N, C-alpha and C. Protein backbone atom coordinates (compact mmCIF):
# COMPACT_ATOMS: atom_id res chain seq x y z
N MET A 1 -47.56 -95.19 21.51
CA MET A 1 -47.52 -94.41 20.30
C MET A 1 -48.03 -92.99 20.57
N ALA A 2 -49.01 -92.84 21.39
CA ALA A 2 -49.55 -91.51 21.70
C ALA A 2 -48.49 -90.64 22.35
N GLY A 3 -47.55 -91.27 23.08
CA GLY A 3 -46.48 -90.52 23.72
C GLY A 3 -45.57 -89.86 22.72
N GLY A 4 -45.43 -90.43 21.52
CA GLY A 4 -44.57 -89.87 20.49
C GLY A 4 -45.09 -88.55 19.96
N LEU A 5 -46.41 -88.36 19.99
CA LEU A 5 -46.98 -87.12 19.50
C LEU A 5 -46.74 -85.95 20.45
N ASN A 6 -46.40 -86.26 21.69
CA ASN A 6 -46.12 -85.20 22.67
C ASN A 6 -44.65 -84.80 22.66
N ASN A 7 -43.86 -85.44 21.81
CA ASN A 7 -42.44 -85.15 21.73
C ASN A 7 -42.26 -83.74 21.17
N PRO A 8 -41.54 -82.88 21.89
CA PRO A 8 -41.37 -81.49 21.45
C PRO A 8 -40.70 -81.38 20.08
N THR A 9 -39.77 -82.28 19.80
CA THR A 9 -39.08 -82.23 18.51
C THR A 9 -40.06 -82.51 17.37
N ILE A 10 -40.90 -83.51 17.55
CA ILE A 10 -41.88 -83.88 16.53
C ILE A 10 -42.92 -82.77 16.38
N LEU A 11 -43.39 -82.24 17.50
CA LEU A 11 -44.37 -81.16 17.45
C LEU A 11 -43.79 -79.92 16.76
N GLY A 12 -42.54 -79.62 17.04
CA GLY A 12 -41.89 -78.47 16.40
C GLY A 12 -41.75 -78.67 14.90
N LYS A 13 -41.35 -79.88 14.51
CA LYS A 13 -41.20 -80.18 13.08
C LYS A 13 -42.56 -80.15 12.38
N LEU A 14 -43.59 -80.69 13.03
CA LEU A 14 -44.94 -80.68 12.47
C LEU A 14 -45.43 -79.25 12.28
N SER A 15 -45.18 -78.41 13.26
CA SER A 15 -45.58 -77.00 13.17
C SER A 15 -44.83 -76.31 12.03
N SER A 16 -43.54 -76.60 11.90
CA SER A 16 -42.74 -76.02 10.83
C SER A 16 -43.25 -76.46 9.45
N LEU A 17 -43.61 -77.73 9.33
CA LEU A 17 -44.14 -78.24 8.06
C LEU A 17 -45.50 -77.64 7.73
N GLU A 18 -46.33 -77.43 8.74
CA GLU A 18 -47.63 -76.79 8.52
C GLU A 18 -47.44 -75.36 8.02
N GLN A 19 -46.50 -74.63 8.62
CA GLN A 19 -46.22 -73.26 8.18
C GLN A 19 -45.70 -73.26 6.75
N GLN A 20 -44.82 -74.21 6.43
CA GLN A 20 -44.29 -74.31 5.08
C GLN A 20 -45.41 -74.62 4.08
N LYS A 21 -46.35 -75.47 4.47
CA LYS A 21 -47.49 -75.80 3.60
C LYS A 21 -48.32 -74.55 3.31
N ILE A 22 -48.58 -73.75 4.33
CA ILE A 22 -49.36 -72.52 4.15
C ILE A 22 -48.63 -71.56 3.21
N GLU A 23 -47.32 -71.41 3.39
CA GLU A 23 -46.54 -70.52 2.52
C GLU A 23 -46.56 -71.01 1.07
N LEU A 24 -46.43 -72.31 0.85
CA LEU A 24 -46.43 -72.86 -0.50
C LEU A 24 -47.80 -72.72 -1.16
N GLU A 25 -48.86 -72.92 -0.39
CA GLU A 25 -50.21 -72.73 -0.94
C GLU A 25 -50.43 -71.28 -1.35
N THR A 26 -49.93 -70.34 -0.55
CA THR A 26 -50.04 -68.92 -0.87
C THR A 26 -49.27 -68.60 -2.15
N LYS A 27 -48.05 -69.12 -2.26
CA LYS A 27 -47.25 -68.90 -3.47
C LYS A 27 -47.92 -69.50 -4.70
N LEU A 28 -48.56 -70.65 -4.54
CA LEU A 28 -49.26 -71.29 -5.65
C LEU A 28 -50.43 -70.43 -6.11
N LEU A 29 -51.20 -69.89 -5.19
CA LEU A 29 -52.31 -69.01 -5.54
C LEU A 29 -51.81 -67.75 -6.25
N GLU A 30 -50.71 -67.18 -5.77
CA GLU A 30 -50.15 -66.00 -6.41
C GLU A 30 -49.68 -66.32 -7.83
N ALA A 31 -49.06 -67.47 -8.02
CA ALA A 31 -48.58 -67.87 -9.34
C ALA A 31 -49.75 -68.08 -10.30
N GLN A 32 -50.83 -68.64 -9.80
CA GLN A 32 -52.01 -68.85 -10.65
C GLN A 32 -52.62 -67.52 -11.07
N GLN A 33 -52.62 -66.53 -10.17
CA GLN A 33 -53.15 -65.22 -10.50
C GLN A 33 -52.28 -64.53 -11.55
N VAL A 34 -50.97 -64.67 -11.45
CA VAL A 34 -50.06 -64.09 -12.43
C VAL A 34 -50.28 -64.75 -13.78
N LYS A 35 -50.47 -66.06 -13.78
CA LYS A 35 -50.71 -66.81 -15.01
C LYS A 35 -51.98 -66.32 -15.69
N GLU A 36 -53.03 -66.10 -14.92
CA GLU A 36 -54.30 -65.63 -15.49
C GLU A 36 -54.14 -64.23 -16.07
N LYS A 37 -53.38 -63.37 -15.41
CA LYS A 37 -53.18 -62.01 -15.89
C LYS A 37 -52.33 -62.00 -17.15
N ALA A 38 -51.41 -62.96 -17.27
CA ALA A 38 -50.49 -63.00 -18.41
C ALA A 38 -51.14 -63.58 -19.66
N ALA A 39 -52.30 -64.17 -19.53
CA ALA A 39 -52.97 -64.78 -20.68
C ALA A 39 -53.41 -63.69 -21.66
N ILE A 40 -53.37 -64.02 -22.92
CA ILE A 40 -53.77 -63.09 -23.96
C ILE A 40 -54.95 -63.69 -24.71
N THR A 41 -55.92 -62.87 -25.02
CA THR A 41 -57.09 -63.37 -25.75
C THR A 41 -56.74 -63.54 -27.22
N GLU A 42 -57.52 -64.34 -27.90
CA GLU A 42 -57.28 -64.56 -29.33
C GLU A 42 -57.43 -63.26 -30.10
N ASP A 43 -58.39 -62.41 -29.72
CA ASP A 43 -58.57 -61.12 -30.40
C ASP A 43 -57.33 -60.24 -30.23
N ALA A 44 -56.79 -60.20 -29.02
CA ALA A 44 -55.59 -59.39 -28.78
C ALA A 44 -54.41 -59.94 -29.59
N LEU A 45 -54.34 -61.27 -29.70
CA LEU A 45 -53.28 -61.89 -30.48
C LEU A 45 -53.42 -61.55 -31.95
N ARG A 46 -54.64 -61.60 -32.46
CA ARG A 46 -54.86 -61.23 -33.87
C ARG A 46 -54.50 -59.76 -34.11
N GLN A 47 -54.79 -58.90 -33.15
CA GLN A 47 -54.45 -57.48 -33.26
C GLN A 47 -52.93 -57.31 -33.27
N LEU A 48 -52.25 -58.06 -32.43
CA LEU A 48 -50.79 -58.03 -32.40
C LEU A 48 -50.21 -58.47 -33.74
N LEU A 49 -50.78 -59.53 -34.31
CA LEU A 49 -50.30 -60.03 -35.60
C LEU A 49 -50.58 -59.04 -36.73
N SER A 50 -51.72 -58.38 -36.68
CA SER A 50 -52.03 -57.41 -37.75
C SER A 50 -51.08 -56.22 -37.68
N GLY A 51 -50.68 -55.82 -36.48
CA GLY A 51 -49.69 -54.75 -36.35
C GLY A 51 -48.33 -55.19 -36.85
N PHE A 52 -48.02 -56.45 -36.70
CA PHE A 52 -46.76 -57.00 -37.16
C PHE A 52 -46.72 -57.11 -38.68
N GLN A 53 -47.87 -57.18 -39.30
CA GLN A 53 -47.98 -57.33 -40.74
C GLN A 53 -47.26 -56.18 -41.48
N ASP A 54 -47.29 -54.99 -40.92
CA ASP A 54 -46.60 -53.84 -41.54
C ASP A 54 -45.10 -54.09 -41.64
N HIS A 55 -44.52 -54.71 -40.60
CA HIS A 55 -43.09 -55.01 -40.62
C HIS A 55 -42.76 -56.02 -41.71
N ILE A 56 -43.65 -56.97 -41.92
CA ILE A 56 -43.43 -57.97 -42.96
C ILE A 56 -43.52 -57.31 -44.34
N THR A 57 -44.54 -56.48 -44.53
CA THR A 57 -44.74 -55.81 -45.82
C THR A 57 -43.55 -54.93 -46.17
N SER A 58 -43.03 -54.23 -45.18
CA SER A 58 -41.89 -53.33 -45.42
C SER A 58 -40.55 -54.06 -45.33
N ARG A 59 -40.58 -55.35 -45.04
CA ARG A 59 -39.36 -56.18 -44.91
C ARG A 59 -38.38 -55.60 -43.89
N ASN A 60 -38.92 -55.20 -42.77
CA ASN A 60 -38.12 -54.64 -41.68
C ASN A 60 -37.55 -55.82 -40.87
N LEU A 61 -36.40 -56.34 -41.30
CA LEU A 61 -35.82 -57.54 -40.70
C LEU A 61 -35.52 -57.42 -39.20
N PRO A 62 -34.97 -56.31 -38.72
CA PRO A 62 -34.73 -56.23 -37.27
C PRO A 62 -36.02 -56.39 -36.45
N GLU A 63 -37.10 -55.75 -36.90
CA GLU A 63 -38.38 -55.86 -36.17
C GLU A 63 -38.97 -57.26 -36.30
N ILE A 64 -38.81 -57.88 -37.46
CA ILE A 64 -39.32 -59.24 -37.67
C ILE A 64 -38.59 -60.21 -36.75
N LYS A 65 -37.27 -60.10 -36.67
CA LYS A 65 -36.49 -60.98 -35.80
C LYS A 65 -36.85 -60.75 -34.33
N LYS A 66 -37.04 -59.50 -33.97
CA LYS A 66 -37.42 -59.15 -32.59
C LYS A 66 -38.77 -59.78 -32.23
N PHE A 67 -39.73 -59.67 -33.15
CA PHE A 67 -41.05 -60.25 -32.91
C PHE A 67 -40.97 -61.76 -32.77
N ILE A 68 -40.28 -62.40 -33.70
CA ILE A 68 -40.18 -63.86 -33.67
C ILE A 68 -39.51 -64.31 -32.38
N GLY A 69 -38.43 -63.67 -32.00
CA GLY A 69 -37.73 -64.05 -30.77
C GLY A 69 -38.56 -63.84 -29.51
N SER A 70 -39.43 -62.84 -29.53
CA SER A 70 -40.23 -62.52 -28.35
C SER A 70 -41.49 -63.37 -28.21
N TYR A 71 -42.12 -63.69 -29.35
CA TYR A 71 -43.45 -64.28 -29.26
C TYR A 71 -43.61 -65.67 -29.86
N VAL A 72 -42.73 -66.07 -30.76
CA VAL A 72 -42.92 -67.33 -31.48
C VAL A 72 -41.99 -68.40 -30.93
N GLU A 73 -42.58 -69.53 -30.52
CA GLU A 73 -41.76 -70.65 -30.06
C GLU A 73 -41.31 -71.50 -31.24
N LYS A 74 -42.25 -71.84 -32.15
CA LYS A 74 -41.89 -72.58 -33.35
C LYS A 74 -43.00 -72.47 -34.38
N VAL A 75 -42.64 -72.78 -35.61
CA VAL A 75 -43.57 -72.75 -36.73
C VAL A 75 -43.54 -74.12 -37.40
N ILE A 76 -44.72 -74.70 -37.63
CA ILE A 76 -44.82 -75.99 -38.28
C ILE A 76 -45.55 -75.78 -39.60
N VAL A 77 -44.89 -76.16 -40.70
CA VAL A 77 -45.46 -75.95 -42.03
C VAL A 77 -45.96 -77.28 -42.58
N TYR A 78 -47.23 -77.31 -42.93
CA TYR A 78 -47.86 -78.47 -43.55
C TYR A 78 -48.22 -78.10 -44.99
N LYS A 79 -48.62 -79.09 -45.79
CA LYS A 79 -49.05 -78.79 -47.15
C LYS A 79 -50.26 -77.86 -47.17
N GLU A 80 -51.23 -78.12 -46.27
CA GLU A 80 -52.50 -77.40 -46.28
C GLU A 80 -52.51 -76.14 -45.43
N HIS A 81 -51.68 -76.07 -44.41
CA HIS A 81 -51.70 -74.93 -43.50
C HIS A 81 -50.38 -74.78 -42.75
N VAL A 82 -50.28 -73.70 -42.01
CA VAL A 82 -49.12 -73.42 -41.17
C VAL A 82 -49.60 -73.25 -39.74
N GLU A 83 -48.90 -73.86 -38.79
CA GLU A 83 -49.22 -73.66 -37.36
C GLU A 83 -48.09 -72.89 -36.72
N VAL A 84 -48.47 -71.84 -35.97
CA VAL A 84 -47.50 -71.05 -35.24
C VAL A 84 -47.72 -71.31 -33.76
N ILE A 85 -46.69 -71.77 -33.08
CA ILE A 85 -46.76 -72.03 -31.64
C ILE A 85 -46.14 -70.82 -30.93
N PHE A 86 -46.98 -70.10 -30.20
CA PHE A 86 -46.53 -68.90 -29.51
C PHE A 86 -46.04 -69.20 -28.10
N LYS A 87 -45.21 -68.34 -27.59
CA LYS A 87 -44.73 -68.45 -26.22
C LYS A 87 -45.75 -67.92 -25.22
N LEU A 88 -46.81 -67.31 -25.71
CA LEU A 88 -47.84 -66.72 -24.87
C LEU A 88 -48.92 -67.74 -24.55
N GLN A 89 -49.63 -67.49 -23.50
CA GLN A 89 -50.80 -68.29 -23.17
C GLN A 89 -51.99 -67.64 -23.83
N VAL A 90 -52.67 -68.39 -24.70
CA VAL A 90 -53.82 -67.85 -25.42
C VAL A 90 -55.09 -68.41 -24.79
N VAL A 91 -56.00 -67.54 -24.44
CA VAL A 91 -57.26 -67.94 -23.82
C VAL A 91 -58.35 -67.92 -24.88
N ASP A 92 -59.02 -69.04 -25.05
CA ASP A 92 -60.13 -69.14 -25.99
C ASP A 92 -61.40 -68.79 -25.22
N LEU A 93 -61.91 -67.58 -25.43
CA LEU A 93 -63.05 -67.12 -24.66
C LEU A 93 -64.35 -67.82 -25.07
N ILE A 94 -64.39 -68.38 -26.26
CA ILE A 94 -65.60 -69.07 -26.72
C ILE A 94 -65.74 -70.41 -26.01
N ASP A 95 -64.66 -71.20 -26.03
CA ASP A 95 -64.71 -72.53 -25.42
C ASP A 95 -64.32 -72.51 -23.94
N GLY A 96 -63.67 -71.43 -23.50
CA GLY A 96 -63.25 -71.34 -22.11
C GLY A 96 -61.97 -72.08 -21.83
N GLY A 97 -61.37 -72.69 -22.86
CA GLY A 97 -60.13 -73.43 -22.68
C GLY A 97 -58.95 -72.51 -22.80
N GLU A 98 -57.79 -72.99 -22.39
CA GLU A 98 -56.58 -72.21 -22.50
C GLU A 98 -55.40 -73.14 -22.61
N GLY A 99 -54.32 -72.63 -23.14
CA GLY A 99 -53.11 -73.42 -23.27
C GLY A 99 -51.92 -72.53 -23.52
N SER A 100 -50.77 -72.90 -22.98
CA SER A 100 -49.60 -72.05 -23.15
C SER A 100 -48.96 -72.26 -24.51
N ARG A 101 -49.35 -73.28 -25.22
CA ARG A 101 -48.77 -73.55 -26.53
C ARG A 101 -49.89 -73.74 -27.53
N THR A 102 -50.77 -72.78 -27.61
CA THR A 102 -51.92 -72.87 -28.48
C THR A 102 -51.54 -72.53 -29.92
N PRO A 103 -51.72 -73.49 -30.86
CA PRO A 103 -51.43 -73.16 -32.26
C PRO A 103 -52.48 -72.23 -32.83
N VAL A 104 -52.06 -71.28 -33.60
CA VAL A 104 -52.97 -70.37 -34.28
C VAL A 104 -52.73 -70.57 -35.76
N ARG A 105 -53.76 -70.97 -36.48
CA ARG A 105 -53.63 -71.22 -37.91
C ARG A 105 -53.83 -69.91 -38.66
N ARG A 106 -52.92 -69.61 -39.56
CA ARG A 106 -52.99 -68.40 -40.38
C ARG A 106 -52.89 -68.80 -41.82
């Protein structure tokens, strides 16, 4: 069995797989950094919503549709409240938790 590890074909494939592992780990770290940078804080989200409020008040339908298409994944209406599921990742700085589909109650 030890002779099989000296096989040039196996050693070459093992080396290739190790290189591929390193490249994938690097890409994973880069993706995690992009994800962290793309997160939006709850305060920034509230500021975004307050700026959007003017479009609602003035009934600016093109801007309302643009906002909904860009930021809102879905809206769930209950008797007691409404949940808006955003396409953004919202970071809760108080609890330290985060989620890409964080409902914000308004």
